[in-house]
Amino acid sequence: MEFISDHITLAEATYSPKAIALGYKNTPGAEELKNMKLLATNVYEPLRAGLGNHPLKINSFFRSELLNQAIGGANGSQHVQGQAIDLDGLSCTNANIFHYIKENLVFDKLIWEFGTNKNPDWVHVSYNSNGNRKQILVGTKVKGKTIYKTYSNAK
């Protein structure tokens, strides 16, 4: 079993029911794998440790370009470069995940994805070794279209 960090296997980081259903390979290249390891080491592992070393559910990590198109992912998605991960708390709230990252970690983009003002449906976070913007957004649906706005504590 190949690990990309202490607690994430490559199989877990590339798993996608949609890719399996469509018969797509979801295999990162060397550059994407390097980015995945950097994200896991600099964000996932410190996050997990900071939240009591409890497992976090990975909803989406690496996506091939073909898979990203099939699921309607954004053009230029950092998931395709292995620079983004979508997480769910198993023993903590997604709001706890979001706020821990915001207050304690280096990241490129952090998104409160849908949900309510109290808790997002999931948390998107990215890490870019070429520079991290610390951009914080909230994703909402307006008339069926996803809109991203700058996060404010008042939301």
N, C-alpha and C. Protein backbone atom coordinates (compact mmCIF):
# COMPACT_ATOMS: atom_id res chain seq x y z
N MET A 1 0.84 -1.18 0.00
CA MET A 1 0.00 0.00 0.00
C MET A 1 0.89 1.24 0.00
N GLU A 2 0.66 2.12 -0.95
CA GLU A 2 1.47 3.33 -1.07
C GLU A 2 0.80 4.49 -0.35
N PHE A 3 1.57 5.17 0.49
CA PHE A 3 1.08 6.32 1.24
C PHE A 3 1.66 7.60 0.66
N ILE A 4 0.84 8.67 0.64
CA ILE A 4 1.36 9.99 0.24
C ILE A 4 1.66 10.83 1.48
N SER A 5 1.17 10.40 2.65
CA SER A 5 1.50 11.01 3.94
C SER A 5 1.24 9.96 5.00
N ASP A 6 1.40 10.34 6.26
CA ASP A 6 1.24 9.36 7.34
C ASP A 6 -0.13 8.69 7.35
N HIS A 7 -1.18 9.43 6.95
CA HIS A 7 -2.54 8.90 7.08
C HIS A 7 -3.33 8.83 5.77
N ILE A 8 -2.73 9.13 4.65
CA ILE A 8 -3.45 9.10 3.37
C ILE A 8 -2.75 8.15 2.40
N THR A 9 -3.51 7.17 1.92
CA THR A 9 -2.96 6.29 0.90
C THR A 9 -3.20 6.91 -0.48
N LEU A 10 -2.40 6.52 -1.43
CA LEU A 10 -2.60 6.98 -2.81
C LEU A 10 -3.96 6.52 -3.30
N ALA A 11 -4.36 5.31 -2.95
CA ALA A 11 -5.67 4.79 -3.38
C ALA A 11 -6.80 5.67 -2.84
N GLU A 12 -6.70 6.09 -1.59
CA GLU A 12 -7.72 6.96 -0.98
C GLU A 12 -7.74 8.33 -1.67
N ALA A 13 -6.56 8.85 -2.00
CA ALA A 13 -6.45 10.17 -2.60
C ALA A 13 -6.92 10.22 -4.05
N THR A 14 -7.01 9.07 -4.69
CA THR A 14 -7.43 9.04 -6.09
C THR A 14 -8.77 8.34 -6.29
N TYR A 15 -9.37 7.89 -5.20
CA TYR A 15 -10.64 7.15 -5.28
C TYR A 15 -11.76 8.06 -5.77
N SER A 16 -12.54 7.54 -6.73
CA SER A 16 -13.70 8.27 -7.23
C SER A 16 -14.72 7.26 -7.76
N PRO A 17 -15.89 7.20 -7.11
CA PRO A 17 -16.94 6.31 -7.64
C PRO A 17 -17.31 6.65 -9.08
N LYS A 18 -17.31 7.94 -9.41
CA LYS A 18 -17.66 8.37 -10.77
C LYS A 18 -16.63 7.87 -11.77
N ALA A 19 -15.34 7.97 -11.43
CA ALA A 19 -14.29 7.47 -12.33
C ALA A 19 -14.45 5.97 -12.54
N ILE A 20 -14.75 5.25 -11.48
CA ILE A 20 -14.95 3.79 -11.58
C ILE A 20 -16.14 3.49 -12.48
N ALA A 21 -17.25 4.18 -12.24
CA ALA A 21 -18.47 3.95 -13.03
C ALA A 21 -18.25 4.22 -14.51
N LEU A 22 -17.43 5.25 -14.82
CA LEU A 22 -17.18 5.62 -16.21
C LEU A 22 -15.99 4.88 -16.82
N GLY A 23 -15.27 4.12 -16.00
CA GLY A 23 -14.11 3.39 -16.49
C GLY A 23 -12.90 4.28 -16.73
N TYR A 24 -12.84 5.42 -16.05
CA TYR A 24 -11.72 6.36 -16.20
C TYR A 24 -10.60 5.99 -15.24
N LYS A 25 -9.38 6.12 -15.72
CA LYS A 25 -8.23 6.02 -14.82
C LYS A 25 -8.10 7.38 -14.13
N ASN A 26 -7.84 7.36 -12.87
CA ASN A 26 -7.67 8.61 -12.12
C ASN A 26 -6.29 8.55 -11.47
N THR A 27 -5.28 8.61 -12.32
CA THR A 27 -3.90 8.41 -11.90
C THR A 27 -3.09 9.69 -12.07
N PRO A 28 -2.51 10.20 -10.99
CA PRO A 28 -1.70 11.42 -11.11
C PRO A 28 -0.35 11.15 -11.74
N GLY A 29 0.17 12.16 -12.41
CA GLY A 29 1.54 12.11 -12.91
C GLY A 29 2.50 12.51 -11.80
N ALA A 30 3.78 12.58 -12.11
CA ALA A 30 4.80 12.89 -11.10
C ALA A 30 4.59 14.26 -10.47
N GLU A 31 4.28 15.26 -11.25
CA GLU A 31 4.09 16.62 -10.72
C GLU A 31 2.85 16.69 -9.82
N GLU A 32 1.77 16.05 -10.26
CA GLU A 32 0.54 16.04 -9.46
C GLU A 32 0.77 15.29 -8.14
N LEU A 33 1.50 14.18 -8.21
CA LEU A 33 1.79 13.41 -7.00
C LEU A 33 2.64 14.22 -6.03
N LYS A 34 3.59 14.97 -6.55
CA LYS A 34 4.42 15.85 -5.70
C LYS A 34 3.52 16.88 -5.00
N ASN A 35 2.60 17.47 -5.75
CA ASN A 35 1.68 18.46 -5.17
C ASN A 35 0.78 17.83 -4.10
N MET A 36 0.32 16.62 -4.36
CA MET A 36 -0.54 15.92 -3.41
C MET A 36 0.21 15.67 -2.09
N LYS A 37 1.45 15.28 -2.20
CA LYS A 37 2.25 15.03 -1.00
C LYS A 37 2.47 16.33 -0.22
N LEU A 38 2.69 17.43 -0.93
CA LEU A 38 2.87 18.72 -0.26
C LEU A 38 1.60 19.16 0.46
N LEU A 39 0.47 19.00 -0.19
CA LEU A 39 -0.82 19.35 0.44
C LEU A 39 -1.07 18.46 1.66
N ALA A 40 -0.85 17.17 1.51
CA ALA A 40 -1.07 16.25 2.63
C ALA A 40 -0.16 16.58 3.82
N THR A 41 1.09 16.89 3.54
CA THR A 41 2.07 17.18 4.59
C THR A 41 1.85 18.54 5.25
N ASN A 42 1.47 19.53 4.45
CA ASN A 42 1.36 20.90 4.96
C ASN A 42 -0.03 21.30 5.44
N VAL A 43 -1.05 20.56 5.03
CA VAL A 43 -2.42 20.91 5.43
C VAL A 43 -3.11 19.74 6.13
N TYR A 44 -3.27 18.62 5.45
CA TYR A 44 -4.05 17.52 6.02
C TYR A 44 -3.48 17.01 7.34
N GLU A 45 -2.20 16.69 7.35
CA GLU A 45 -1.62 16.09 8.56
C GLU A 45 -1.63 17.07 9.74
N PRO A 46 -1.23 18.34 9.56
CA PRO A 46 -1.32 19.28 10.70
C PRO A 46 -2.77 19.53 11.14
N LEU A 47 -3.70 19.52 10.19
CA LEU A 47 -5.12 19.67 10.52
C LEU A 47 -5.58 18.50 11.37
N ARG A 48 -5.30 17.32 10.91
CA ARG A 48 -5.69 16.12 11.65
C ARG A 48 -5.11 16.13 13.06
N ALA A 49 -3.83 16.46 13.18
CA ALA A 49 -3.18 16.52 14.50
C ALA A 49 -3.83 17.59 15.37
N GLY A 50 -4.12 18.74 14.79
CA GLY A 50 -4.71 19.84 15.53
C GLY A 50 -6.13 19.59 16.01
N LEU A 51 -6.82 18.66 15.34
CA LEU A 51 -8.19 18.32 15.71
C LEU A 51 -8.26 17.02 16.51
N GLY A 52 -7.17 16.67 17.17
CA GLY A 52 -7.18 15.51 18.05
C GLY A 52 -6.78 14.21 17.40
N ASN A 53 -6.18 14.29 16.22
CA ASN A 53 -5.70 13.12 15.47
C ASN A 53 -6.82 12.16 15.08
N HIS A 54 -8.03 12.70 14.89
CA HIS A 54 -9.15 11.89 14.42
C HIS A 54 -9.15 11.87 12.89
N PRO A 55 -9.55 10.76 12.28
CA PRO A 55 -9.60 10.71 10.81
C PRO A 55 -10.56 11.75 10.23
N LEU A 56 -10.24 12.21 9.05
CA LEU A 56 -11.09 13.13 8.29
C LEU A 56 -11.47 12.43 6.98
N LYS A 57 -12.70 12.60 6.57
CA LYS A 57 -13.16 11.97 5.34
C LYS A 57 -12.73 12.80 4.14
N ILE A 58 -12.08 12.16 3.19
CA ILE A 58 -11.69 12.81 1.93
C ILE A 58 -12.79 12.56 0.92
N ASN A 59 -13.48 13.63 0.53
CA ASN A 59 -14.53 13.51 -0.50
C ASN A 59 -13.94 13.53 -1.89
N SER A 60 -12.93 14.34 -2.08
CA SER A 60 -12.28 14.46 -3.39
C SER A 60 -10.89 15.03 -3.18
N PHE A 61 -9.91 14.40 -3.83
CA PHE A 61 -8.53 14.91 -3.77
C PHE A 61 -8.09 15.06 -5.22
N PHE A 62 -7.29 14.15 -5.73
CA PHE A 62 -6.88 14.26 -7.13
C PHE A 62 -8.02 13.89 -8.07
N ARG A 63 -8.15 14.68 -9.16
CA ARG A 63 -9.08 14.36 -10.24
C ARG A 63 -8.34 14.52 -11.57
N SER A 64 -8.42 13.52 -12.41
CA SER A 64 -7.88 13.66 -13.76
C SER A 64 -8.71 14.73 -14.49
N GLU A 65 -8.16 15.28 -15.52
CA GLU A 65 -8.89 16.29 -16.31
C GLU A 65 -10.21 15.72 -16.82
N LEU A 66 -10.16 14.49 -17.29
CA LEU A 66 -11.36 13.82 -17.82
C LEU A 66 -12.43 13.66 -16.73
N LEU A 67 -12.00 13.22 -15.55
CA LEU A 67 -12.93 13.07 -14.43
C LEU A 67 -13.48 14.44 -14.01
N ASN A 68 -12.63 15.44 -13.94
CA ASN A 68 -13.07 16.78 -13.54
C ASN A 68 -14.16 17.30 -14.48
N GLN A 69 -13.99 17.06 -15.77
CA GLN A 69 -15.01 17.47 -16.75
C GLN A 69 -16.29 16.67 -16.55
N ALA A 70 -16.16 15.38 -16.29
CA ALA A 70 -17.33 14.50 -16.14
C ALA A 70 -18.20 14.88 -14.95
N ILE A 71 -17.58 15.38 -13.88
CA ILE A 71 -18.36 15.75 -12.69
C ILE A 71 -18.76 17.22 -12.69
N GLY A 72 -18.38 17.94 -13.75
CA GLY A 72 -18.74 19.36 -13.82
C GLY A 72 -17.86 20.23 -12.96
N GLY A 73 -16.61 19.79 -12.71
CA GLY A 73 -15.66 20.58 -11.93
C GLY A 73 -15.26 21.84 -12.67
N ALA A 74 -14.77 22.80 -11.92
CA ALA A 74 -14.38 24.10 -12.49
C ALA A 74 -13.20 23.94 -13.45
N ASN A 75 -13.21 24.73 -14.51
CA ASN A 75 -12.04 24.80 -15.38
C ASN A 75 -10.89 25.34 -14.55
N GLY A 76 -9.73 24.76 -14.70
CA GLY A 76 -8.58 25.20 -13.92
C GLY A 76 -8.60 24.72 -12.47
N SER A 77 -9.45 23.75 -12.17
CA SER A 77 -9.57 23.23 -10.80
C SER A 77 -8.21 22.78 -10.27
N GLN A 78 -7.92 23.17 -9.04
CA GLN A 78 -6.67 22.76 -8.42
C GLN A 78 -6.66 21.26 -8.09
N HIS A 79 -7.82 20.62 -8.10
CA HIS A 79 -7.87 19.17 -7.91
C HIS A 79 -7.09 18.47 -9.03
N VAL A 80 -7.14 19.00 -10.24
CA VAL A 80 -6.48 18.40 -11.39
C VAL A 80 -4.95 18.45 -11.24
N GLN A 81 -4.45 19.46 -10.54
CA GLN A 81 -3.01 19.59 -10.29
C GLN A 81 -2.59 18.87 -9.00
N GLY A 82 -3.55 18.26 -8.29
CA GLY A 82 -3.24 17.62 -7.02
C GLY A 82 -3.02 18.62 -5.90
N GLN A 83 -3.55 19.83 -6.07
CA GLN A 83 -3.34 20.90 -5.10
C GLN A 83 -4.56 21.18 -4.23
N ALA A 84 -5.65 20.42 -4.36
CA ALA A 84 -6.87 20.70 -3.60
C ALA A 84 -7.47 19.42 -3.05
N ILE A 85 -8.13 19.56 -1.91
CA ILE A 85 -8.79 18.44 -1.25
C ILE A 85 -10.11 18.93 -0.67
N ASP A 86 -11.13 18.10 -0.74
CA ASP A 86 -12.43 18.38 -0.13
C ASP A 86 -12.59 17.44 1.06
N LEU A 87 -12.91 18.02 2.22
CA LEU A 87 -12.94 17.25 3.47
C LEU A 87 -14.27 17.35 4.20
N ASP A 88 -14.55 16.29 4.95
CA ASP A 88 -15.70 16.21 5.86
C ASP A 88 -15.18 15.74 7.21
N GLY A 89 -15.73 16.31 8.28
CA GLY A 89 -15.38 15.84 9.61
C GLY A 89 -16.12 14.57 9.95
N LEU A 90 -15.44 13.64 10.57
CA LEU A 90 -16.09 12.42 11.04
C LEU A 90 -16.41 12.52 12.53
N SER A 91 -15.53 13.19 13.28
CA SER A 91 -15.75 13.34 14.72
C SER A 91 -15.72 14.81 15.14
N CYS A 92 -15.78 15.70 14.15
CA CYS A 92 -15.86 17.13 14.41
C CYS A 92 -16.72 17.73 13.31
N THR A 93 -17.14 18.97 13.49
CA THR A 93 -17.95 19.61 12.46
C THR A 93 -17.07 20.12 11.33
N ASN A 94 -17.68 20.32 10.20
CA ASN A 94 -16.96 20.93 9.08
C ASN A 94 -16.59 22.37 9.41
N ALA A 95 -17.39 23.03 10.22
CA ALA A 95 -17.05 24.39 10.66
C ALA A 95 -15.76 24.37 11.48
N ASN A 96 -15.58 23.35 12.33
CA ASN A 96 -14.32 23.22 13.08
C ASN A 96 -13.13 23.07 12.14
N ILE A 97 -13.29 22.26 11.11
CA ILE A 97 -12.23 22.07 10.12
C ILE A 97 -11.89 23.40 9.46
N PHE A 98 -12.92 24.10 8.98
CA PHE A 98 -12.74 25.38 8.28
C PHE A 98 -11.99 26.37 9.17
N HIS A 99 -12.47 26.55 10.39
CA HIS A 99 -11.87 27.56 11.28
C HIS A 99 -10.46 27.18 11.72
N TYR A 100 -10.21 25.89 11.91
CA TYR A 100 -8.86 25.47 12.28
C TYR A 100 -7.88 25.81 11.15
N ILE A 101 -8.27 25.48 9.93
CA ILE A 101 -7.40 25.80 8.78
C ILE A 101 -7.19 27.31 8.69
N LYS A 102 -8.28 28.06 8.75
CA LYS A 102 -8.22 29.52 8.61
C LYS A 102 -7.29 30.15 9.63
N GLU A 103 -7.34 29.66 10.86
CA GLU A 103 -6.60 30.29 11.95
C GLU A 103 -5.20 29.74 12.18
N ASN A 104 -4.89 28.56 11.63
CA ASN A 104 -3.64 27.90 12.00
C ASN A 104 -2.73 27.44 10.87
N LEU A 105 -3.24 27.35 9.65
CA LEU A 105 -2.44 26.72 8.60
C LEU A 105 -2.20 27.65 7.41
N VAL A 106 -1.18 27.31 6.65
CA VAL A 106 -0.89 28.01 5.40
C VAL A 106 -1.68 27.31 4.30
N PHE A 107 -2.40 28.08 3.48
CA PHE A 107 -3.19 27.51 2.41
C PHE A 107 -3.29 28.51 1.27
N ASP A 108 -3.67 28.02 0.11
CA ASP A 108 -3.90 28.90 -1.03
C ASP A 108 -5.34 29.38 -1.05
N LYS A 109 -6.27 28.42 -1.04
CA LYS A 109 -7.70 28.76 -1.09
C LYS A 109 -8.45 27.88 -0.09
N LEU A 110 -9.36 28.50 0.65
CA LEU A 110 -10.19 27.81 1.62
C LEU A 110 -11.63 28.19 1.31
N ILE A 111 -12.50 27.17 1.14
CA ILE A 111 -13.90 27.46 0.78
C ILE A 111 -14.86 26.75 1.72
N TRP A 112 -15.77 27.54 2.27
CA TRP A 112 -16.93 27.05 3.04
C TRP A 112 -17.93 26.66 1.97
N GLU A 113 -18.07 25.37 1.70
CA GLU A 113 -18.88 24.88 0.58
C GLU A 113 -20.34 24.63 1.00
N PHE A 114 -21.22 25.53 0.57
CA PHE A 114 -22.66 25.39 0.75
C PHE A 114 -23.03 25.22 2.21
N GLY A 115 -24.02 24.39 2.53
CA GLY A 115 -24.42 24.19 3.91
C GLY A 115 -25.21 25.37 4.45
N THR A 116 -24.98 25.66 5.73
CA THR A 116 -25.68 26.75 6.43
C THR A 116 -24.67 27.75 6.96
N ASN A 117 -25.15 28.78 7.63
CA ASN A 117 -24.24 29.74 8.26
C ASN A 117 -23.49 29.11 9.44
N LYS A 118 -23.98 27.99 9.93
CA LYS A 118 -23.34 27.32 11.08
C LYS A 118 -22.35 26.24 10.66
N ASN A 119 -22.58 25.59 9.51
CA ASN A 119 -21.73 24.47 9.12
C ASN A 119 -21.80 24.24 7.61
N PRO A 120 -20.64 24.20 6.95
CA PRO A 120 -20.64 23.91 5.51
C PRO A 120 -20.92 22.43 5.26
N ASP A 121 -21.36 22.12 4.03
CA ASP A 121 -21.54 20.72 3.64
C ASP A 121 -20.20 19.99 3.59
N TRP A 122 -19.16 20.69 3.16
CA TRP A 122 -17.79 20.18 3.18
C TRP A 122 -16.85 21.37 3.11
N VAL A 123 -15.56 21.12 3.29
CA VAL A 123 -14.53 22.17 3.23
C VAL A 123 -13.57 21.85 2.11
N HIS A 124 -13.34 22.84 1.26
CA HIS A 124 -12.35 22.75 0.18
C HIS A 124 -11.13 23.54 0.63
N VAL A 125 -9.96 22.94 0.50
CA VAL A 125 -8.73 23.67 0.81
C VAL A 125 -7.67 23.29 -0.21
N SER A 126 -6.87 24.28 -0.61
CA SER A 126 -5.79 24.01 -1.55
C SER A 126 -4.47 24.56 -1.00
N TYR A 127 -3.39 24.01 -1.55
CA TYR A 127 -2.04 24.41 -1.16
C TYR A 127 -1.21 24.47 -2.44
N ASN A 128 -0.47 25.57 -2.60
CA ASN A 128 0.33 25.77 -3.80
C ASN A 128 1.76 26.10 -3.40
N SER A 129 2.68 25.23 -3.73
CA SER A 129 4.08 25.44 -3.33
C SER A 129 4.70 26.67 -3.99
N ASN A 130 4.04 27.21 -5.00
CA ASN A 130 4.55 28.41 -5.68
C ASN A 130 4.00 29.69 -5.08
N GLY A 131 3.27 29.58 -3.98
CA GLY A 131 2.72 30.76 -3.31
C GLY A 131 1.28 30.53 -2.90
N ASN A 132 0.98 30.85 -1.65
CA ASN A 132 -0.35 30.65 -1.11
C ASN A 132 -1.01 31.99 -0.82
N ARG A 133 -2.16 32.21 -1.43
CA ARG A 133 -2.86 33.50 -1.37
C ARG A 133 -3.68 33.70 -0.10
N LYS A 134 -3.97 32.63 0.63
CA LYS A 134 -4.85 32.67 1.80
C LYS A 134 -6.21 33.29 1.43
N GLN A 135 -6.70 32.90 0.27
CA GLN A 135 -8.01 33.35 -0.20
C GLN A 135 -9.09 32.54 0.51
N ILE A 136 -10.08 33.22 1.08
CA ILE A 136 -11.15 32.55 1.82
C ILE A 136 -12.49 32.92 1.20
N LEU A 137 -13.24 31.88 0.80
CA LEU A 137 -14.50 32.08 0.08
C LEU A 137 -15.63 31.28 0.71
N VAL A 138 -16.85 31.66 0.33
CA VAL A 138 -18.06 30.91 0.69
C VAL A 138 -18.76 30.57 -0.61
N GLY A 139 -19.07 29.29 -0.80
CA GLY A 139 -19.79 28.85 -1.99
C GLY A 139 -21.27 28.70 -1.67
N THR A 140 -22.11 29.29 -2.52
CA THR A 140 -23.56 29.18 -2.37
C THR A 140 -24.17 28.90 -3.74
N LYS A 141 -25.41 28.45 -3.72
CA LYS A 141 -26.16 28.24 -4.96
C LYS A 141 -27.19 29.36 -5.09
N VAL A 142 -27.19 30.02 -6.24
CA VAL A 142 -28.18 31.06 -6.54
C VAL A 142 -28.81 30.70 -7.88
N LYS A 143 -30.10 30.38 -7.85
CA LYS A 143 -30.84 29.97 -9.05
C LYS A 143 -30.12 28.83 -9.77
N GLY A 144 -29.64 27.86 -8.97
CA GLY A 144 -29.00 26.67 -9.52
C GLY A 144 -27.56 26.86 -9.95
N LYS A 145 -27.02 28.06 -9.79
CA LYS A 145 -25.65 28.35 -10.20
C LYS A 145 -24.77 28.57 -8.97
N THR A 146 -23.56 28.03 -8.99
CA THR A 146 -22.64 28.20 -7.86
C THR A 146 -22.00 29.58 -7.92
N ILE A 147 -22.09 30.27 -6.79
CA ILE A 147 -21.51 31.61 -6.65
C ILE A 147 -20.51 31.57 -5.49
N TYR A 148 -19.33 32.14 -5.70
CA TYR A 148 -18.34 32.23 -4.64
C TYR A 148 -18.17 33.68 -4.24
N LYS A 149 -18.27 33.93 -2.94
CA LYS A 149 -18.09 35.28 -2.39
C LYS A 149 -16.98 35.23 -1.35
N THR A 150 -16.35 36.39 -1.14
CA THR A 150 -15.33 36.49 -0.12
C THR A 150 -15.94 36.23 1.26
N TYR A 151 -15.27 35.43 2.04
CA TYR A 151 -15.73 35.09 3.38
C TYR A 151 -15.59 36.29 4.30
N SER A 152 -16.57 36.48 5.16
CA SER A 152 -16.45 37.43 6.26
C SER A 152 -16.95 36.72 7.50
N ASN A 153 -16.44 37.07 8.65
CA ASN A 153 -16.84 36.39 9.89
C ASN A 153 -18.34 36.50 10.12
N ALA A 154 -18.96 37.57 9.64
CA ALA A 154 -20.41 37.75 9.82
C ALA A 154 -21.18 36.87 8.85
N LYS A 155 -20.61 36.53 7.73
CA LYS A 155 -21.23 35.78 6.65
C LYS A 155 -22.61 36.31 6.40
